[in-house]
Protein backbone atom coordinates (compact mmCIF):
# COMPACT_ATOMS: atom_id res chain seq x y z
CA MET A 1 101.73 89.69 108.04
CA THR A 2 100.63 91.73 105.31
CA VAL A 3 102.26 92.96 101.84
CA PRO A 4 104.41 95.81 101.80
CA GLY A 5 102.40 98.38 99.67
CA ASN A 6 102.42 97.83 96.30
CA GLN A 7 104.07 101.23 94.78
CA VAL A 8 105.79 100.80 91.51
CA THR A 9 109.60 101.34 92.16
CA GLN A 10 112.95 100.88 90.75
CA ASP A 11 115.12 99.83 93.80
CA ALA A 12 115.72 96.49 93.46
CA ALA A 13 112.34 95.61 92.73
CA ALA A 14 110.81 93.14 90.27
CA SER A 15 110.47 95.58 86.79
CA GLN A 16 106.89 94.53 86.05
CA PRO A 17 104.02 97.73 87.29
CA GLY A 18 102.29 97.30 90.54
CA LEU A 19 104.99 94.78 92.39
CA PRO A 20 106.76 95.48 95.34
CA PRO A 21 110.32 95.42 96.17
CA ALA A 22 111.91 92.27 96.56
CA GLU A 23 114.22 94.09 99.30
CA GLU A 24 111.35 94.88 101.04
CA LEU A 25 109.43 91.48 100.81
CA ASP A 26 112.50 89.74 102.12
CA ARG A 27 113.10 91.95 105.12
CA ALA A 28 109.56 91.34 105.69
CA LEU A 29 109.83 87.55 105.11
CA ARG A 30 113.04 86.63 106.38
CA HIS A 31 111.77 84.84 109.17
CA ALA A 32 108.41 83.49 107.89
CA ALA A 33 107.15 80.18 107.96
CA PRO A 34 107.20 78.54 104.57
CA THR A 35 103.62 77.97 104.22
CA GLU A 36 103.72 82.10 105.01
CA ILE A 37 106.11 83.12 102.48
CA ILE A 38 103.69 81.30 99.94
CA ALA A 39 100.66 82.54 101.06
CA ILE A 40 102.12 86.12 100.49
CA ALA A 41 103.09 85.17 97.46
CA LEU A 42 99.91 84.07 96.05
CA GLN A 43 98.51 87.28 97.61
CA THR A 44 100.95 90.10 96.32
CA VAL A 45 100.89 88.44 92.67
CA GLY A 46 97.53 86.04 92.15
CA ARG A 47 96.97 82.81 91.51
CA GLU A 48 97.51 83.60 87.55
CA ARG A 49 100.62 85.03 87.71
CA LEU A 50 102.26 82.53 90.27
CA ALA A 51 104.22 79.52 89.60
CA LEU A 52 106.31 76.92 91.37
CA VAL A 53 109.02 75.45 89.25
CA SER A 54 109.84 71.82 90.62
CA SER A 55 112.13 69.15 88.92
CA PHE A 56 110.13 66.39 91.42
CA GLY A 57 113.66 65.69 92.72
CA THR A 58 114.55 64.01 95.91
CA GLU A 59 113.45 67.04 98.35
CA SER A 60 110.46 68.42 96.32
CA ALA A 61 107.54 66.69 97.50
CA ALA A 62 108.00 68.71 100.78
CA LEU A 63 107.39 72.13 99.06
CA LEU A 64 104.64 70.64 96.77
CA LYS A 65 102.93 69.46 99.88
CA LEU A 66 103.26 73.08 101.56
CA MET A 67 102.24 74.63 98.24
CA ALA A 68 98.96 72.33 98.13
CA GLU A 69 98.24 73.20 101.71
CA VAL A 70 97.75 76.90 100.43
CA ASP A 71 96.13 76.85 97.22
CA PRO A 72 97.00 73.18 95.16
CA ALA A 73 95.62 75.30 92.07
CA ILE A 74 99.11 77.14 91.48
CA PRO A 75 100.79 76.61 88.36
CA VAL A 76 103.63 74.20 88.56
CA VAL A 77 106.16 74.11 86.12
CA PHE A 78 108.18 70.94 85.18
CA LEU A 79 111.34 70.82 82.87
CA ASP A 80 111.06 67.36 81.02
CA THR A 81 114.74 67.94 79.70
CA GLY A 82 114.20 64.65 77.54
CA TRP A 83 116.75 62.96 80.05
CA LEU A 84 115.16 62.41 83.06
CA PHE A 85 114.64 58.87 84.58
CA GLU A 86 111.46 57.27 84.13
CA GLU A 87 111.74 57.37 87.80
CA THR A 88 110.95 61.09 87.89
CA LEU A 89 108.14 61.08 85.83
CA ALA A 90 106.57 58.37 87.51
CA TYR A 91 107.12 60.10 90.94
CA ARG A 92 105.78 63.19 89.35
CA ASP A 93 102.56 61.66 88.51
CA ASP A 94 102.18 59.80 92.05
CA LEU A 95 102.35 63.31 93.59
CA ILE A 96 100.30 65.36 91.47
CA ALA A 97 97.99 62.44 92.25
CA ARG A 98 98.25 62.01 96.08
CA LEU A 99 98.87 66.07 96.52
CA GLY A 100 95.82 66.74 94.22
CA LEU A 101 97.97 69.29 92.22
CA ARG A 102 95.70 70.79 89.86
CA ASP A 103 98.01 72.49 87.26
CA VAL A 104 100.99 71.14 86.31
CA ARG A 105 103.05 71.90 83.11
CA SER A 106 104.99 69.79 81.67
CA ILE A 107 107.70 71.71 79.33
CA LYS A 108 109.94 70.71 76.84
CA PRO A 109 113.00 72.39 74.52
CA LEU A 110 111.88 73.11 71.24
CA GLU A 111 112.06 70.40 68.88
CA GLN A 112 113.94 72.53 66.29
CA THR A 113 116.17 73.49 69.04
CA LEU A 114 117.55 70.27 69.74
CA SER A 115 117.74 69.60 66.38
CA ARG A 116 119.98 72.17 65.38
CA GLU A 117 122.14 72.59 68.52
CA ASP A 118 122.10 68.51 69.92
CA PRO A 119 121.39 66.38 67.17
CA ASP A 120 122.80 63.45 68.26
CA ARG A 121 122.03 63.93 72.18
CA GLU A 122 125.96 64.31 73.50
CA LEU A 123 126.03 68.04 74.46
CA TRP A 124 125.38 66.79 77.85
CA PHE A 125 129.29 65.28 77.46
CA SER A 126 130.51 67.79 75.08
CA ASP A 127 129.44 71.16 76.80
CA PRO A 128 127.08 70.59 79.64
CA ASP A 129 125.96 74.37 79.83
CA ALA A 130 124.87 74.50 76.08
CA CYS A 131 122.90 71.47 77.27
CA CYS A 132 121.35 73.08 80.21
CA ARG A 133 120.49 75.96 78.39
CA ILE A 134 118.87 74.80 75.61
CA ARG A 135 116.96 71.64 77.80
CA LYS A 136 116.41 73.80 80.92
CA VAL A 137 117.08 77.78 80.79
CA GLU A 138 115.56 78.65 77.43
CA PRO A 139 112.26 76.46 78.66
CA LEU A 140 111.80 77.71 81.73
CA ASN A 141 112.18 81.40 80.26
CA ARG A 142 109.30 80.43 77.94
CA ALA A 143 107.41 78.90 80.61
CA LEU A 144 107.75 81.50 82.74
CA ALA A 145 106.90 84.07 80.33
CA PRO A 146 103.13 84.64 81.62
CA PHE A 147 104.07 85.15 85.32
CA SER A 148 105.33 87.84 87.62
CA ALA A 149 106.84 85.55 90.02
CA TRP A 150 107.88 82.39 90.58
CA ILE A 151 108.63 79.69 94.03
CA ASN A 152 111.48 77.66 93.84
CA GLY A 153 113.15 75.16 96.44
CA ARG A 154 116.47 76.17 96.96
CA LYS A 155 117.94 75.99 100.44
CA ARG A 156 120.54 77.61 102.34
CA PHE A 157 121.98 74.55 103.69
CA GLN A 158 122.77 72.81 100.07
CA GLY A 159 125.91 75.24 100.24
CA GLU A 160 127.94 76.74 96.97
CA ALA A 161 126.00 79.63 95.55
CA ARG A 162 122.86 78.66 97.31
CA ALA A 163 124.54 79.56 100.99
CA GLU A 164 123.31 83.30 101.29
CA ILE A 165 120.12 83.13 99.04
CA PRO A 166 117.62 85.34 100.51
CA VAL A 167 114.00 84.68 101.21
CA VAL A 168 112.83 86.96 98.25
CA GLU A 169 115.07 88.07 95.41
CA ALA A 170 114.82 89.97 92.08
CA ASP A 171 115.22 87.68 89.13
CA SER A 172 114.68 88.81 85.33
CA GLY A 173 111.92 91.46 86.20
CA ARG A 174 109.99 88.94 88.37
CA LEU A 175 109.75 88.24 91.81
CA LYS A 176 111.58 85.05 92.75
CA PHE A 177 110.29 83.32 96.21
CA ASN A 178 112.39 80.72 97.88
CA PRO A 179 110.17 79.24 100.67
CA PHE A 180 112.75 76.89 101.88
CA ALA A 181 115.80 79.37 102.13
CA ASN A 182 115.95 78.67 105.86
CA VAL A 183 114.85 75.66 106.47
CA SER A 184 117.42 72.28 107.54
CA ARG A 185 117.26 68.86 106.80
CA GLU A 186 115.72 67.77 109.55
CA ASP A 187 112.84 70.10 108.98
CA ILE A 188 112.54 68.87 105.16
CA ALA A 189 112.74 65.31 106.93
CA GLY A 190 110.03 66.08 109.31
CA ILE A 191 107.72 67.53 106.54
CA TYR A 192 108.09 64.43 104.78
CA ALA A 193 107.39 61.95 108.04
CA SER A 194 104.48 64.00 108.83
CA ALA A 195 102.52 64.00 105.90
CA GLY A 196 103.64 60.56 104.44
CA LEU A 197 105.14 61.69 101.70
CA PRO A 198 106.85 58.85 99.24
CA PRO A 199 111.00 59.38 98.82
CA HIS A 200 112.04 59.49 95.07
CA PRO A 201 112.28 56.20 94.12
CA LEU A 202 116.13 56.70 93.27
CA ALA A 203 117.10 57.66 96.92
CA ALA A 204 116.85 54.23 98.29
CA ASN A 205 119.71 53.57 95.70
CA GLY A 206 122.29 56.65 96.39
CA TYR A 207 120.92 59.02 94.54
CA LEU A 208 120.55 62.14 96.58
CA SER A 209 119.72 65.04 94.15
CA VAL A 210 118.44 63.88 90.73
CA GLY A 211 118.40 65.45 87.85
CA CYS A 212 119.16 64.85 83.95
CA MET A 213 120.34 61.06 83.51
CA PRO A 214 123.98 61.45 82.09
CA CYS A 215 124.36 64.10 84.38
CA THR A 216 123.49 62.44 87.91
CA SER A 217 125.32 59.84 89.97
CA ARG A 218 125.30 58.25 93.16
CA THR A 219 126.41 59.90 96.74
CA ALA A 220 128.73 58.24 98.78
CA PRO A 221 127.20 58.84 102.43
CA ASP A 222 130.18 60.74 103.23
CA GLU A 223 129.34 63.12 100.28
CA ASP A 224 127.25 66.32 100.16
CA PRO A 225 124.08 64.90 98.49
CA ARG A 226 124.53 67.43 95.76
CA ALA A 227 128.37 66.00 94.47
CA GLY A 228 126.49 63.58 92.33
CA ARG A 229 125.30 66.19 90.16
CA TRP A 230 127.93 67.04 87.34
CA ARG A 231 130.33 64.84 88.78
CA GLY A 232 134.04 65.65 87.96
CA ARG A 233 133.29 68.86 86.71
CA ALA A 234 133.40 72.49 88.16
CA LYS A 235 129.80 72.98 87.01
CA THR A 236 127.20 73.05 90.19
CA GLU A 237 124.03 74.99 88.64
CA CYS A 238 122.39 74.17 85.53
CA GLY A 239 121.83 77.97 85.30
CA ILE A 240 118.03 78.53 85.80
CA HIS A 241 119.27 80.56 89.10
CA THR A 242 121.57 82.50 87.64
CA VAL A 243 119.70 85.92 89.37
CA LYS A 244 119.60 88.83 86.97
CA ALA A 245 117.89 91.81 89.12
CA THR A 246 116.36 94.38 87.63
């Protein structure tokens, strides 16, 4: 598959010069395999301008594995919020070694921001949206500053706001690639099985979607896997996937 022409456009495209329209890329890649989508993302902007954002959560190894098949030196952005499980940090290090990832960048919130807005480390309880903003959204914005496009692991089968995600979208002046938009849970399991990927250490204990420790709980067999995130609250997203098309 070839990349659509790299003309400058104002029509539903990333605003950086030289990038093709997101809608045009989405049409071209609508039925493409995940590795093809990753390869086109790399071809479109180049390694220095492309990042993959990963939580190293319960399904992250599948996307990281496919990315490594395309180019293990694509930068990987990992948001170390200060509230992550030790098991997640260990899993990150394990996958880096297993998959030969060459450029994983652990990004932390700014200390001055934490001291000013969350000095008692209780913001996750009183205002979880604000906690996500200072620990995830702002650090990600800072980390993505050098990049023209990024890859993430959202899937339509996760439901809620993710049920209608395109394969490519425009987000804050960048192209945003969703290579797993069309995959199923069975597809994910198949990648794990065929590649011999280890599960997240907490998965066996009922944590089917793992985020920050205070806002993650076990999930019952009859619940949606993401039901354990922000349990008891209307909140379903941390905020890093709030699309601002330009």
